[in-house]
Amino acid sequence: MPESIGRWGVDGLTGWDLSAAEPRIRHLQEQAAALLVHCGGRLFKQAPTPVWWADHVAYAVRLVQHPPGMAPGATVFGLRQLPEAVRLLEVWSGRRPEVSGRLEHLDPDFDAVDGTVLLARELSRWAVVLTQNEVLDMRADLVRSWADLRQAPSELRDDDADAARQIVREAVEFLDANLDAAGGRARYAKYLDHQWQVSKMRVEEIEGNRPDSGPGRAPLCGGID
């Protein structure tokens, strides 16, 4: 029996031929390097960039990797937008919300997505998911708008805040138009009391994005004036 059996560490491998295992070892090292980060004497696991989620039902701002699937897009904030997330719930509820989670360090050079861009992506996704079962019953101009909003998250550049503001406004107008259409308010009634109201509050009160604000730009979603 080899003398090294029962020994731990690098010394315990002395005398063993590991050449056949080298490809597997390299593969494991690459996987570990892709998942783990050693910083300041601590080992961290890499994960998707989190966001601040303003939970307007529980009146709490939470640091999460992924907000719930049907959470309004307007309740999702970028890493540098904790004050805005807190402010939204303060305006909504009249009291300061609880904050769950903390950001220990954010490198000043970290290229975080512009907060307005993040809002545009999340709000357009939410508008598309919310109305996807009604597309066949929409007017032609709203169908074109729905299709444009569906493409917006992937086509919008991380640094294009002007285009993001336009998409946000068009998402709001698209949803308003659907609510005003025949039977719209009945179909979406369960979203009107909280989700839609908090979405409009975020857009108009926190972002200051109202119909008459922002630079004049050609509409990205056809048919919405």
C-alpha atoms as a PDB file:
ATOM      1  CA  MET A   1       0.000   0.000   0.000  1.00  0.00           C
ATOM      2  CA  PRO A   2       1.454   3.382  -0.928  1.00  0.00           C
ATOM      3  CA  GLU A   3       2.868   5.251   2.014  1.00  0.00           C
ATOM      4  CA  SER A   4       0.955   8.410   1.132  1.00  0.00           C
ATOM      5  CA  ILE A   5      -2.517   6.875   1.577  1.00  0.00           C
ATOM      6  CA  GLY A   6      -4.291   8.618   4.431  1.00  0.00           C
ATOM      7  CA  ARG A   7      -2.184  11.772   4.147  1.00  0.00           C
ATOM      8  CA  TRP A   8      -3.720  15.127   3.199  1.00  0.00           C
ATOM      9  CA  GLY A   9      -2.469  18.069   1.187  1.00  0.00           C
ATOM     10  CA  VAL A  10       0.067  18.402  -1.577  1.00  0.00           C
ATOM     11  CA  ASP A  11       2.648  16.330   0.321  1.00  0.00           C
ATOM     12  CA  GLY A  12       0.221  13.430   0.318  1.00  0.00           C
ATOM     13  CA  LEU A  13       0.397  13.289  -3.481  1.00  0.00           C
ATOM     14  CA  THR A  14       4.150  12.821  -3.590  1.00  0.00           C
ATOM     15  CA  GLY A  15       5.047   9.812  -5.686  1.00  0.00           C
ATOM     16  CA  TRP A  16       1.748   9.675  -7.531  1.00  0.00           C
ATOM     17  CA  ASP A  17       1.613  10.120 -11.307  1.00  0.00           C
ATOM     18  CA  LEU A  18      -1.132  12.697 -11.928  1.00  0.00           C
ATOM     19  CA  SER A  19      -0.342  13.374 -15.571  1.00  0.00           C
ATOM     20  CA  ALA A  20      -3.507  11.562 -16.699  1.00  0.00           C
ATOM     21  CA  ALA A  21      -5.603  13.782 -14.418  1.00  0.00           C
ATOM     22  CA  GLU A  22      -4.076  17.084 -15.538  1.00  0.00           C
ATOM     23  CA  PRO A  23      -6.850  17.942 -18.088  1.00  0.00           C
ATOM     24  CA  ARG A  24      -9.483  17.316 -15.427  1.00  0.00           C
ATOM     25  CA  ILE A  25      -7.557  19.376 -12.873  1.00  0.00           C
ATOM     26  CA  ARG A  26      -7.250  22.283 -15.326  1.00  0.00           C
ATOM     27  CA  HIS A  27     -10.981  22.054 -16.050  1.00  0.00           C
ATOM     28  CA  LEU A  28     -11.807  22.211 -12.348  1.00  0.00           C
ATOM     29  CA  GLN A  29      -9.444  25.156 -11.889  1.00  0.00           C
ATOM     30  CA  GLU A  30     -11.124  27.039 -14.767  1.00  0.00           C
ATOM     31  CA  GLN A  31     -14.573  26.368 -13.306  1.00  0.00           C
ATOM     32  CA  ALA A  32     -13.476  27.585  -9.888  1.00  0.00           C
ATOM     33  CA  ALA A  33     -11.908  30.711 -11.387  1.00  0.00           C
ATOM     34  CA  ALA A  34     -15.171  31.489 -13.202  1.00  0.00           C
ATOM     35  CA  LEU A  35     -17.266  31.155 -10.034  1.00  0.00           C
ATOM     36  CA  LEU A  36     -15.041  32.292  -7.183  1.00  0.00           C
ATOM     37  CA  VAL A  37     -13.253  35.562  -6.436  1.00  0.00           C
ATOM     38  CA  HIS A  38     -10.603  35.990  -3.730  1.00  0.00           C
ATOM     39  CA  CYS A  39     -10.556  39.549  -2.421  1.00  0.00           C
ATOM     40  CA  GLY A  40      -9.245  41.021   0.820  1.00  0.00           C
ATOM     41  CA  GLY A  41      -8.562  37.616   2.305  1.00  0.00           C
ATOM     42  CA  ARG A  42     -12.146  36.490   1.714  1.00  0.00           C
ATOM     43  CA  LEU A  43     -13.603  34.086  -0.845  1.00  0.00           C
ATOM     44  CA  PHE A  44     -16.642  35.282  -2.786  1.00  0.00           C
ATOM     45  CA  LYS A  45     -18.919  33.438  -5.176  1.00  0.00           C
ATOM     46  CA  GLN A  46     -19.640  35.273  -8.427  1.00  0.00           C
ATOM     47  CA  ALA A  47     -23.309  35.896  -9.151  1.00  0.00           C
ATOM     48  CA  PRO A  48     -25.445  38.036 -11.453  1.00  0.00           C
ATOM     49  CA  THR A  49     -25.382  41.717 -10.592  1.00  0.00           C
ATOM     50  CA  PRO A  50     -28.169  42.272  -8.027  1.00  0.00           C
ATOM     51  CA  VAL A  51     -30.755  45.030  -8.061  1.00  0.00           C
ATOM     52  CA  TRP A  52     -32.737  46.932  -5.470  1.00  0.00           C
ATOM     53  CA  TRP A  53     -36.392  45.878  -5.506  1.00  0.00           C
ATOM     54  CA  ALA A  54     -38.956  48.224  -3.955  1.00  0.00           C
ATOM     55  CA  ASP A  55     -41.538  45.784  -2.612  1.00  0.00           C
ATOM     56  CA  HIS A  56     -44.573  48.072  -2.540  1.00  0.00           C
ATOM     57  CA  VAL A  57     -46.739  45.419  -0.849  1.00  0.00           C
ATOM     58  CA  ALA A  58     -44.462  44.786   2.149  1.00  0.00           C
ATOM     59  CA  TYR A  59     -43.080  48.377   2.097  1.00  0.00           C
ATOM     60  CA  ALA A  60     -39.485  47.142   2.052  1.00  0.00           C
ATOM     61  CA  VAL A  61     -36.531  47.691  -0.269  1.00  0.00           C
ATOM     62  CA  ARG A  62     -34.680  44.433  -0.861  1.00  0.00           C
ATOM     63  CA  LEU A  63     -31.346  43.612  -2.499  1.00  0.00           C
ATOM     64  CA  VAL A  64     -32.127  40.676  -4.810  1.00  0.00           C
ATOM     65  CA  GLN A  65     -30.626  38.916  -7.816  1.00  0.00           C
ATOM     66  CA  HIS A  66     -33.998  38.546  -9.491  1.00  0.00           C
ATOM     67  CA  PRO A  67     -37.258  40.264  -8.493  1.00  0.00           C
ATOM     68  CA  PRO A  68     -40.426  38.153  -8.626  1.00  0.00           C
ATOM     69  CA  GLY A  69     -41.533  37.414 -12.174  1.00  0.00           C
ATOM     70  CA  MET A  70     -44.607  39.639 -12.204  1.00  0.00           C
ATOM     71  CA  ALA A  71     -43.187  42.432 -10.058  1.00  0.00           C
ATOM     72  CA  PRO A  72     -43.784  45.749 -11.855  1.00  0.00           C
ATOM     73  CA  GLY A  73     -40.701  46.780 -13.790  1.00  0.00           C
ATOM     74  CA  ALA A  74     -40.900  50.215 -12.190  1.00  0.00           C
ATOM     75  CA  THR A  75     -40.094  48.725  -8.785  1.00  0.00           C
ATOM     76  CA  VAL A  76     -36.615  47.581  -9.893  1.00  0.00           C
ATOM     77  CA  PHE A  77     -33.662  49.933  -9.299  1.00  0.00           C
ATOM     78  CA  GLY A  78     -29.960  49.814 -10.126  1.00  0.00           C
ATOM     79  CA  LEU A  79     -27.214  49.296  -7.559  1.00  0.00           C
ATOM     80  CA  ARG A  80     -26.573  53.010  -7.181  1.00  0.00           C
ATOM     81  CA  GLN A  81     -30.280  53.838  -6.818  1.00  0.00           C
ATOM     82  CA  LEU A  82     -31.037  52.830  -3.241  1.00  0.00           C
ATOM     83  CA  PRO A  83     -32.106  56.423  -2.338  1.00  0.00           C
ATOM     84  CA  GLU A  84     -34.541  56.456  -5.271  1.00  0.00           C
ATOM     85  CA  ALA A  85     -35.981  53.063  -4.266  1.00  0.00           C
ATOM     86  CA  VAL A  86     -36.479  54.273  -0.701  1.00  0.00           C
ATOM     87  CA  ARG A  87     -38.021  57.518  -1.962  1.00  0.00           C
ATOM     88  CA  LEU A  88     -40.537  55.650  -4.126  1.00  0.00           C
ATOM     89  CA  LEU A  89     -41.914  53.755  -1.138  1.00  0.00           C
ATOM     90  CA  GLU A  90     -41.840  56.878   1.011  1.00  0.00           C
ATOM     91  CA  VAL A  91     -44.019  58.658  -1.551  1.00  0.00           C
ATOM     92  CA  TRP A  92     -46.216  55.581  -1.938  1.00  0.00           C
ATOM     93  CA  SER A  93     -46.788  54.788   1.735  1.00  0.00           C
ATOM     94  CA  GLY A  94     -45.974  58.003   3.576  1.00  0.00           C
ATOM     95  CA  ARG A  95     -43.368  56.294   5.751  1.00  0.00           C
ATOM     96  CA  ARG A  96     -39.751  55.201   5.456  1.00  0.00           C
ATOM     97  CA  PRO A  97     -39.479  51.571   4.308  1.00  0.00           C
ATOM     98  CA  GLU A  98     -37.308  48.856   5.784  1.00  0.00           C
ATOM     99  CA  VAL A  99     -34.127  48.111   3.802  1.00  0.00           C
ATOM    100  CA  SER A 100     -33.173  44.440   3.540  1.00  0.00           C
ATOM    101  CA  GLY A 101     -29.638  43.636   2.383  1.00  0.00           C
ATOM    102  CA  ARG A 102     -26.561  45.790   2.084  1.00  0.00           C
ATOM    103  CA  LEU A 103     -23.915  46.579  -0.483  1.00  0.00           C
ATOM    104  CA  GLU A 104     -20.564  46.328   1.272  1.00  0.00           C
ATOM    105  CA  HIS A 105     -18.511  47.744  -1.579  1.00  0.00           C
ATOM    106  CA  LEU A 106     -19.099  48.959  -5.109  1.00  0.00           C
ATOM    107  CA  ASP A 107     -16.016  49.794  -7.111  1.00  0.00           C
ATOM    108  CA  PRO A 108     -16.251  53.391  -8.382  1.00  0.00           C
ATOM    109  CA  ASP A 109     -15.139  52.120 -11.793  1.00  0.00           C
ATOM    110  CA  PHE A 110     -17.858  49.473 -11.932  1.00  0.00           C
ATOM    111  CA  ASP A 111     -19.809  50.108 -15.128  1.00  0.00           C
ATOM    112  CA  ALA A 112     -23.338  49.851 -13.725  1.00  0.00           C
ATOM    113  CA  VAL A 113     -26.221  50.087 -16.170  1.00  0.00           C
ATOM    114  CA  ASP A 114     -27.803  53.552 -16.227  1.00  0.00           C
ATOM    115  CA  GLY A 115     -30.817  53.546 -13.897  1.00  0.00           C
ATOM    116  CA  THR A 116     -33.153  54.909 -16.563  1.00  0.00           C
ATOM    117  CA  VAL A 117     -32.007  52.211 -18.995  1.00  0.00           C
ATOM    118  CA  LEU A 118     -32.710  49.545 -16.391  1.00  0.00           C
ATOM    119  CA  LEU A 119     -36.162  51.040 -15.810  1.00  0.00           C
ATOM    120  CA  ALA A 120     -36.899  51.089 -19.547  1.00  0.00           C
ATOM    121  CA  ARG A 121     -35.910  47.446 -19.941  1.00  0.00           C
ATOM    122  CA  GLU A 122     -37.867  46.250 -16.929  1.00  0.00           C
ATOM    123  CA  LEU A 123     -40.969  48.328 -17.652  1.00  0.00           C
ATOM    124  CA  SER A 124     -41.107  47.318 -21.315  1.00  0.00           C
ATOM    125  CA  ARG A 125     -40.735  43.643 -20.358  1.00  0.00           C
ATOM    126  CA  TRP A 126     -43.533  43.987 -17.823  1.00  0.00           C
ATOM    127  CA  ALA A 127     -45.815  45.736 -20.322  1.00  0.00           C
ATOM    128  CA  VAL A 128     -45.239  42.959 -22.876  1.00  0.00           C
ATOM    129  CA  VAL A 129     -45.821  40.102 -20.415  1.00  0.00           C
ATOM    130  CA  LEU A 130     -48.880  41.761 -18.914  1.00  0.00           C
ATOM    131  CA  THR A 131     -50.587  42.168 -22.292  1.00  0.00           C
ATOM    132  CA  GLN A 132     -49.256  39.200 -24.274  1.00  0.00           C
ATOM    133  CA  ASN A 133     -52.564  37.325 -24.163  1.00  0.00           C
ATOM    134  CA  GLU A 134     -54.437  40.319 -25.558  1.00  0.00           C
ATOM    135  CA  VAL A 135     -52.331  41.045 -28.661  1.00  0.00           C
ATOM    136  CA  LEU A 136     -54.839  39.517 -31.096  1.00  0.00           C
ATOM    137  CA  ASP A 137     -57.542  41.852 -29.793  1.00  0.00           C
ATOM    138  CA  MET A 138     -55.460  45.061 -29.936  1.00  0.00           C
ATOM    139  CA  ARG A 139     -55.709  47.830 -32.478  1.00  0.00           C
ATOM    140  CA  ALA A 140     -53.065  47.691 -35.203  1.00  0.00           C
ATOM    141  CA  ASP A 141     -51.102  50.625 -33.779  1.00  0.00           C
ATOM    142  CA  LEU A 142     -50.947  48.980 -30.347  1.00  0.00           C
ATOM    143  CA  VAL A 143     -49.772  45.710 -31.866  1.00  0.00           C
ATOM    144  CA  ARG A 144     -46.877  47.617 -33.488  1.00  0.00           C
ATOM    145  CA  SER A 145     -46.121  49.264 -30.161  1.00  0.00           C
ATOM    146  CA  TRP A 146     -46.204  45.901 -28.368  1.00  0.00           C
ATOM    147  CA  ALA A 147     -43.736  44.475 -30.899  1.00  0.00           C
ATOM    148  CA  ASP A 148     -41.401  47.465 -30.484  1.00  0.00           C
ATOM    149  CA  LEU A 149     -41.506  47.210 -26.697  1.00  0.00           C
ATOM    150  CA  ARG A 150     -40.726  43.510 -26.957  1.00  0.00           C
ATOM    151  CA  GLN A 151     -37.488  44.356 -28.798  1.00  0.00           C
ATOM    152  CA  ALA A 152     -36.558  47.323 -26.617  1.00  0.00           C
ATOM    153  CA  PRO A 153     -34.704  45.475 -23.795  1.00  0.00           C
ATOM    154  CA  SER A 154     -32.202  43.862 -26.167  1.00  0.00           C
ATOM    155  CA  GLU A 155     -31.770  46.836 -28.498  1.00  0.00           C
ATOM    156  CA  LEU A 156     -31.338  49.571 -25.882  1.00  0.00           C
ATOM    157  CA  ARG A 157     -27.692  50.452 -25.156  1.00  0.00           C
ATOM    158  CA  ASP A 158     -26.545  50.546 -21.533  1.00  0.00           C
ATOM    159  CA  ASP A 159     -25.595  54.229 -21.801  1.00  0.00           C
ATOM    160  CA  ASP A 160     -28.471  55.605 -23.902  1.00  0.00           C
ATOM    161  CA  ALA A 161     -30.502  57.400 -21.240  1.00  0.00           C
ATOM    162  CA  ASP A 162     -32.345  59.586 -23.786  1.00  0.00           C
ATOM    163  CA  ALA A 163     -33.725  56.584 -25.688  1.00  0.00           C
ATOM    164  CA  ALA A 164     -34.525  54.927 -22.351  1.00  0.00           C
ATOM    165  CA  ARG A 165     -36.669  57.879 -21.248  1.00  0.00           C
ATOM    166  CA  GLN A 166     -38.583  57.689 -24.519  1.00  0.00           C
ATOM    167  CA  ILE A 167     -39.184  53.946 -24.099  1.00  0.00           C
ATOM    168  CA  VAL A 168     -40.396  54.475 -20.527  1.00  0.00           C
ATOM    169  CA  ARG A 169     -42.899  57.095 -21.644  1.00  0.00           C
ATOM    170  CA  GLU A 170     -44.078  54.907 -24.534  1.00  0.00           C
ATOM    171  CA  ALA A 171     -44.516  51.898 -22.253  1.00  0.00           C
ATOM    172  CA  VAL A 172     -46.714  54.004 -19.970  1.00  0.00           C
ATOM    173  CA  GLU A 173     -48.753  55.336 -22.909  1.00  0.00           C
ATOM    174  CA  PHE A 174     -49.074  51.831 -24.363  1.00  0.00           C
ATOM    175  CA  LEU A 175     -50.464  50.479 -21.099  1.00  0.00           C
ATOM    176  CA  ASP A 176     -52.747  53.465 -20.650  1.00  0.00           C
ATOM    177  CA  ALA A 177     -54.124  52.910 -24.168  1.00  0.00           C
ATOM    178  CA  ASN A 178     -54.810  49.251 -23.413  1.00  0.00           C
ATOM    179  CA  LEU A 179     -56.572  50.134 -20.177  1.00  0.00           C
ATOM    180  CA  ASP A 180     -58.730  52.650 -22.014  1.00  0.00           C
ATOM    181  CA  ALA A 181     -59.629  50.183 -24.762  1.00  0.00           C
ATOM    182  CA  ALA A 182     -62.948  48.356 -24.593  1.00  0.00           C
ATOM    183  CA  GLY A 183     -62.894  45.998 -21.611  1.00  0.00           C
ATOM    184  CA  GLY A 184     -59.308  46.893 -20.773  1.00  0.00           C
ATOM    185  CA  ARG A 185     -59.900  47.978 -17.230  1.00  0.00           C
ATOM    186  CA  ALA A 186     -61.852  44.813 -16.489  1.00  0.00           C
ATOM    187  CA  ARG A 187     -59.084  42.593 -17.918  1.00  0.00           C
ATOM    188  CA  TYR A 188     -56.332  44.308 -15.950  1.00  0.00           C
ATOM    189  CA  ALA A 189     -58.344  45.191 -12.830  1.00  0.00           C
ATOM    190  CA  LYS A 190     -56.122  43.191 -10.495  1.00  0.00           C
ATOM    191  CA  TYR A 191     -53.118  45.320 -11.513  1.00  0.00           C
ATOM    192  CA  LEU A 192     -54.713  48.738 -11.229  1.00  0.00           C
ATOM    193  CA  ASP A 193     -54.818  49.314  -7.470  1.00  0.00           C
ATOM    194  CA  HIS A 194     -51.142  48.777  -6.735  1.00  0.00           C
ATOM    195  CA  GLN A 195     -48.900  47.686  -9.572  1.00  0.00           C
ATOM    196  CA  TRP A 196     -49.970  50.175 -12.204  1.00  0.00           C
ATOM    197  CA  GLN A 197     -50.300  53.054  -9.746  1.00  0.00           C
ATOM    198  CA  VAL A 198     -46.806  52.485  -8.326  1.00  0.00           C
ATOM    199  CA  SER A 199     -45.430  52.215 -11.859  1.00  0.00           C
ATOM    200  CA  LYS A 200     -46.823  55.601 -12.854  1.00  0.00           C
ATOM    201  CA  MET A 201     -45.615  57.099  -9.577  1.00  0.00           C
ATOM    202  CA  ARG A 202     -42.076  55.882 -10.279  1.00  0.00           C
ATOM    203  CA  VAL A 203     -42.099  57.244 -13.819  1.00  0.00           C
ATOM    204  CA  GLU A 204     -43.646  60.629 -13.071  1.00  0.00           C
ATOM    205  CA  GLU A 205     -42.659  61.451  -9.482  1.00  0.00           C
ATOM    206  CA  ILE A 206     -39.271  59.755  -9.075  1.00  0.00           C
ATOM    207  CA  GLU A 207     -37.977  59.921 -12.658  1.00  0.00           C
ATOM    208  CA  GLY A 208     -39.800  63.157 -13.543  1.00  0.00           C
ATOM    209  CA  ASN A 209     -40.744  61.581 -16.887  1.00  0.00           C
ATOM    210  CA  ARG A 210     -44.044  63.166 -17.900  1.00  0.00           C
ATOM    211  CA  PRO A 211     -45.596  63.416 -21.373  1.00  0.00           C
ATOM    212  CA  ASP A 212     -44.283  66.941 -21.913  1.00  0.00           C
ATOM    213  CA  SER A 213     -40.785  66.338 -20.511  1.00  0.00           C
ATOM    214  CA  GLY A 214     -37.549  65.330 -22.179  1.00  0.00           C
ATOM    215  CA  PRO A 215     -36.013  66.131 -25.541  1.00  0.00           C
ATOM    216  CA  GLY A 216     -38.171  65.813 -28.629  1.00  0.00           C
ATOM    217  CA  ARG A 217     -37.550  62.477 -30.309  1.00  0.00           C
ATOM    218  CA  ALA A 218     -39.295  60.446 -32.947  1.00  0.00           C
ATOM    219  CA  PRO A 219     -41.509  57.820 -31.267  1.00  0.00           C
ATOM    220  CA  LEU A 220     -39.935  54.380 -31.097  1.00  0.00           C
ATOM    221  CA  CYS A 221     -43.363  52.770 -30.862  1.00  0.00           C
ATOM    222  CA  GLY A 222     -45.500  53.585 -33.886  1.00  0.00           C
ATOM    223  CA  GLY A 223     -49.020  54.802 -33.421  1.00  0.00           C
ATOM    224  CA  ILE A 224     -48.651  56.336 -29.965  1.00  0.00           C
ATOM    225  CA  ASP A 225     -48.865  60.111 -29.990  1.00  0.00           C
END
